[in-house]
Amino acid sequence: MIKYSLICKDCDITFESWFASSQEYEKLKKKKLLNCYNCNSLKVDKSLMAPSINKKTYDKTEKEFKKYKKIKKANTNYQNFIKNNFKYVGENFAYEARSIHYNGEKKKRGIYGTASKKDLKELKEEGIGTQTIPWIEDSSN
């Protein structure tokens, strides 16, 4: 079912009507079965309609967007803290983590980088603690 806002070209009255489909509207229009309830004119056309937005759905979407923005901001702040306080080692994360773990002198500064799931599992088995966080690349450029 689809609802259209209709306008009569003779008396300028607007009204709404339901149709099974947009094709059904066109079929009735072509057969001249659409008429104005006020003046009985056959000069009835569709008028512009704004889409119906459910306020409850809109409020829910707005709340979810605000929640997303809040989480993204917290994650960005966390990433900035990591970038400013830890050394980036890229794909060498597993190697560097082992070096720090087994060589006590290198424990002055933490590291961050990328590692495979297999590498992370092996590090855990060796007793080397790691953390995984979602990394959001800055796309505001």
C-alpha atoms as a PDB file:
ATOM      1  CA  MET A   1       0.000   0.000   0.000  1.00  0.00           C
ATOM      2  CA  ILE A   2       1.109   3.528  -0.767  1.00  0.00           C
ATOM      3  CA  LYS A   3      -0.416   6.820   0.266  1.00  0.00           C
ATOM      4  CA  TYR A   4      -0.376   9.785  -2.086  1.00  0.00           C
ATOM      5  CA  SER A   5      -1.206  13.391  -1.483  1.00  0.00           C
ATOM      6  CA  LEU A   6      -3.454  14.469  -4.350  1.00  0.00           C
ATOM      7  CA  ILE A   7      -4.460  17.899  -5.609  1.00  0.00           C
ATOM      8  CA  CYS A   8      -7.430  18.928  -7.712  1.00  0.00           C
ATOM      9  CA  LYS A   9      -6.408  21.289 -10.529  1.00  0.00           C
ATOM     10  CA  ASP A  10      -9.913  22.824 -10.679  1.00  0.00           C
ATOM     11  CA  CYS A  11     -10.679  23.657  -7.050  1.00  0.00           C
ATOM     12  CA  ASP A  12      -7.100  23.499  -5.598  1.00  0.00           C
ATOM     13  CA  ILE A  13      -8.140  21.226  -2.767  1.00  0.00           C
ATOM     14  CA  THR A  14      -5.591  18.691  -1.504  1.00  0.00           C
ATOM     15  CA  PHE A  15      -6.466  15.279  -0.094  1.00  0.00           C
ATOM     16  CA  GLU A  16      -4.834  11.930   0.530  1.00  0.00           C
ATOM     17  CA  SER A  17      -5.676   8.531  -0.862  1.00  0.00           C
ATOM     18  CA  TRP A  18      -4.310   5.015  -0.525  1.00  0.00           C
ATOM     19  CA  PHE A  19      -3.392   2.823  -3.506  1.00  0.00           C
ATOM     20  CA  ALA A  20      -2.255  -0.773  -3.798  1.00  0.00           C
ATOM     21  CA  SER A  21       0.875   0.394  -5.625  1.00  0.00           C
ATOM     22  CA  SER A  22       2.190   3.266  -7.729  1.00  0.00           C
ATOM     23  CA  GLN A  23       1.244   1.236 -10.817  1.00  0.00           C
ATOM     24  CA  GLU A  24      -2.341   1.003  -9.505  1.00  0.00           C
ATOM     25  CA  TYR A  25      -2.473   4.798  -9.190  1.00  0.00           C
ATOM     26  CA  GLU A  26      -1.275   5.184 -12.794  1.00  0.00           C
ATOM     27  CA  LYS A  27      -3.792   2.608 -14.003  1.00  0.00           C
ATOM     28  CA  LEU A  28      -6.730   4.376 -12.301  1.00  0.00           C
ATOM     29  CA  LYS A  29      -5.527   7.764 -13.577  1.00  0.00           C
ATOM     30  CA  LYS A  30      -5.278   6.463 -17.147  1.00  0.00           C
ATOM     31  CA  LYS A  31      -8.798   4.977 -16.979  1.00  0.00           C
ATOM     32  CA  LYS A  32     -10.082   8.310 -15.600  1.00  0.00           C
ATOM     33  CA  LEU A  33     -11.346   6.712 -12.404  1.00  0.00           C
ATOM     34  CA  LEU A  34      -9.713   9.307 -10.105  1.00  0.00           C
ATOM     35  CA  ASN A  35     -11.861  12.293  -9.320  1.00  0.00           C
ATOM     36  CA  CYS A  36     -11.990  15.118  -6.791  1.00  0.00           C
ATOM     37  CA  TYR A  37     -14.367  14.433  -3.918  1.00  0.00           C
ATOM     38  CA  ASN A  38     -15.187  18.157  -3.690  1.00  0.00           C
ATOM     39  CA  CYS A  39     -15.974  19.147  -7.285  1.00  0.00           C
ATOM     40  CA  ASN A  40     -15.952  15.756  -9.041  1.00  0.00           C
ATOM     41  CA  SER A  41     -13.271  16.957 -11.487  1.00  0.00           C
ATOM     42  CA  LEU A  42     -11.050  14.408 -13.192  1.00  0.00           C
ATOM     43  CA  LYS A  43      -8.088  16.823 -13.128  1.00  0.00           C
ATOM     44  CA  VAL A  44      -6.459  15.181 -10.094  1.00  0.00           C
ATOM     45  CA  ASP A  45      -2.680  14.795  -9.847  1.00  0.00           C
ATOM     46  CA  LYS A  46      -0.147  13.713  -7.258  1.00  0.00           C
ATOM     47  CA  SER A  47       1.337  16.586  -5.273  1.00  0.00           C
ATOM     48  CA  LEU A  48       4.684  16.722  -3.518  1.00  0.00           C
ATOM     49  CA  MET A  49       4.827  14.774  -0.267  1.00  0.00           C
ATOM     50  CA  ALA A  50       7.371  14.720   2.486  1.00  0.00           C
ATOM     51  CA  PRO A  51       8.249  11.201   3.611  1.00  0.00           C
ATOM     52  CA  SER A  52       6.669  10.150   6.865  1.00  0.00           C
ATOM     53  CA  ILE A  53       9.266   9.873   9.614  1.00  0.00           C
ATOM     54  CA  ASN A  54       8.341   8.102  12.785  1.00  0.00           C
ATOM     55  CA  LYS A  55       9.452  10.334  15.673  1.00  0.00           C
ATOM     56  CA  LYS A  56      10.231   7.337  17.856  1.00  0.00           C
ATOM     57  CA  THR A  57      12.502   5.877  15.165  1.00  0.00           C
ATOM     58  CA  TYR A  58      14.092   9.280  14.537  1.00  0.00           C
ATOM     59  CA  ASP A  59      14.785   9.769  18.274  1.00  0.00           C
ATOM     60  CA  LYS A  60      16.289   6.276  18.485  1.00  0.00           C
ATOM     61  CA  THR A  61      18.502   6.924  15.458  1.00  0.00           C
ATOM     62  CA  GLU A  62      19.574  10.299  16.873  1.00  0.00           C
ATOM     63  CA  LYS A  63      20.474   8.681  20.226  1.00  0.00           C
ATOM     64  CA  GLU A  64      22.443   5.936  18.470  1.00  0.00           C
ATOM     65  CA  PHE A  65      24.321   8.537  16.409  1.00  0.00           C
ATOM     66  CA  LYS A  66      25.201  10.526  19.546  1.00  0.00           C
ATOM     67  CA  LYS A  67      26.345   7.324  21.259  1.00  0.00           C
ATOM     68  CA  TYR A  68      28.490   6.444  18.213  1.00  0.00           C
ATOM     69  CA  LYS A  69      30.049   9.928  18.201  1.00  0.00           C
ATOM     70  CA  LYS A  70      30.823   9.647  21.937  1.00  0.00           C
ATOM     71  CA  ILE A  71      32.452   6.227  21.501  1.00  0.00           C
ATOM     72  CA  LYS A  72      34.416   7.400  18.456  1.00  0.00           C
ATOM     73  CA  LYS A  73      35.692  10.440  20.385  1.00  0.00           C
ATOM     74  CA  ALA A  74      36.762   8.274  23.342  1.00  0.00           C
ATOM     75  CA  ASN A  75      38.524   5.857  20.990  1.00  0.00           C
ATOM     76  CA  THR A  76      40.267   8.739  19.197  1.00  0.00           C
ATOM     77  CA  ASN A  77      41.456  10.164  22.537  1.00  0.00           C
ATOM     78  CA  TYR A  78      42.751   6.724  23.512  1.00  0.00           C
ATOM     79  CA  GLN A  79      44.581   6.392  20.185  1.00  0.00           C
ATOM     80  CA  ASN A  80      46.163   9.838  20.626  1.00  0.00           C
ATOM     81  CA  PHE A  81      47.331   8.849  24.112  1.00  0.00           C
ATOM     82  CA  ILE A  82      48.915   5.694  22.678  1.00  0.00           C
ATOM     83  CA  LYS A  83      50.583   7.593  19.810  1.00  0.00           C
ATOM     84  CA  ASN A  84      52.029  10.170  22.238  1.00  0.00           C
ATOM     85  CA  ASN A  85      53.220   7.736  24.919  1.00  0.00           C
ATOM     86  CA  PHE A  86      54.177   4.535  23.116  1.00  0.00           C
ATOM     87  CA  LYS A  87      56.617   3.651  20.347  1.00  0.00           C
ATOM     88  CA  TYR A  88      55.129   2.507  17.018  1.00  0.00           C
ATOM     89  CA  VAL A  89      56.824  -0.699  15.859  1.00  0.00           C
ATOM     90  CA  GLY A  90      54.487  -1.585  12.988  1.00  0.00           C
ATOM     91  CA  GLU A  91      54.490  -5.217  11.862  1.00  0.00           C
ATOM     92  CA  ASN A  92      57.391  -6.015  14.253  1.00  0.00           C
ATOM     93  CA  PHE A  93      55.083  -5.948  17.281  1.00  0.00           C
ATOM     94  CA  ALA A  94      55.498  -9.614  18.272  1.00  0.00           C
ATOM     95  CA  TYR A  95      59.309  -9.451  17.981  1.00  0.00           C
ATOM     96  CA  GLU A  96      59.530  -6.190  19.953  1.00  0.00           C
ATOM     97  CA  ALA A  97      57.117  -7.469  22.637  1.00  0.00           C
ATOM     98  CA  ARG A  98      59.330 -10.529  23.162  1.00  0.00           C
ATOM     99  CA  SER A  99      62.463  -8.339  23.295  1.00  0.00           C
ATOM    100  CA  ILE A 100      60.906  -6.163  25.989  1.00  0.00           C
ATOM    101  CA  HIS A 101      59.593  -9.162  27.938  1.00  0.00           C
ATOM    102  CA  TYR A 102      62.861 -11.093  27.977  1.00  0.00           C
ATOM    103  CA  ASN A 103      65.237  -8.079  28.219  1.00  0.00           C
ATOM    104  CA  GLY A 104      64.446  -6.017  31.337  1.00  0.00           C
ATOM    105  CA  GLU A 105      66.319  -2.912  30.124  1.00  0.00           C
ATOM    106  CA  LYS A 106      63.836  -2.082  27.338  1.00  0.00           C
ATOM    107  CA  LYS A 107      60.802  -1.769  29.651  1.00  0.00           C
ATOM    108  CA  LYS A 108      61.052   2.029  29.846  1.00  0.00           C
ATOM    109  CA  ARG A 109      58.493   2.693  27.126  1.00  0.00           C
ATOM    110  CA  GLY A 110      55.555   0.672  25.799  1.00  0.00           C
ATOM    111  CA  ILE A 111      54.997  -0.193  22.172  1.00  0.00           C
ATOM    112  CA  TYR A 112      52.114  -0.499  19.754  1.00  0.00           C
ATOM    113  CA  GLY A 113      51.762  -1.977  16.290  1.00  0.00           C
ATOM    114  CA  THR A 114      50.107  -4.789  14.416  1.00  0.00           C
ATOM    115  CA  ALA A 115      50.222  -8.531  14.935  1.00  0.00           C
ATOM    116  CA  SER A 116      48.399 -11.554  13.604  1.00  0.00           C
ATOM    117  CA  LYS A 117      45.962 -13.542  15.741  1.00  0.00           C
ATOM    118  CA  LYS A 118      48.509 -16.365  15.735  1.00  0.00           C
ATOM    119  CA  ASP A 119      51.242 -14.037  17.062  1.00  0.00           C
ATOM    120  CA  LEU A 120      48.935 -12.704  19.779  1.00  0.00           C
ATOM    121  CA  LYS A 121      48.025 -16.252  20.837  1.00  0.00           C
ATOM    122  CA  GLU A 122      51.717 -17.225  21.032  1.00  0.00           C
ATOM    123  CA  LEU A 123      52.544 -14.091  23.053  1.00  0.00           C
ATOM    124  CA  LYS A 124      49.755 -14.938  25.492  1.00  0.00           C
ATOM    125  CA  GLU A 125      51.040 -18.525  25.836  1.00  0.00           C
ATOM    126  CA  GLU A 126      54.495 -17.097  26.693  1.00  0.00           C
ATOM    127  CA  GLY A 127      52.946 -14.920  29.403  1.00  0.00           C
ATOM    128  CA  ILE A 128      53.395 -11.671  27.473  1.00  0.00           C
ATOM    129  CA  GLY A 129      50.388  -9.418  28.033  1.00  0.00           C
ATOM    130  CA  THR A 130      48.928  -7.554  25.073  1.00  0.00           C
ATOM    131  CA  GLN A 131      45.770  -5.592  24.410  1.00  0.00           C
ATOM    132  CA  THR A 132      43.791  -5.303  21.189  1.00  0.00           C
ATOM    133  CA  ILE A 133      41.837  -2.146  20.429  1.00  0.00           C
ATOM    134  CA  PRO A 134      39.894  -1.051  17.352  1.00  0.00           C
ATOM    135  CA  TRP A 135      42.071   1.349  15.394  1.00  0.00           C
ATOM    136  CA  ILE A 136      40.177   4.012  13.488  1.00  0.00           C
ATOM    137  CA  GLU A 137      42.213   5.769  10.843  1.00  0.00           C
ATOM    138  CA  ASP A 138      41.682   9.515  10.715  1.00  0.00           C
ATOM    139  CA  SER A 139      39.531  10.127   7.629  1.00  0.00           C
ATOM    140  CA  SER A 140      39.001  13.868   8.170  1.00  0.00           C
ATOM    141  CA  ASN A 141      41.807  14.826   5.774  1.00  0.00           C
END
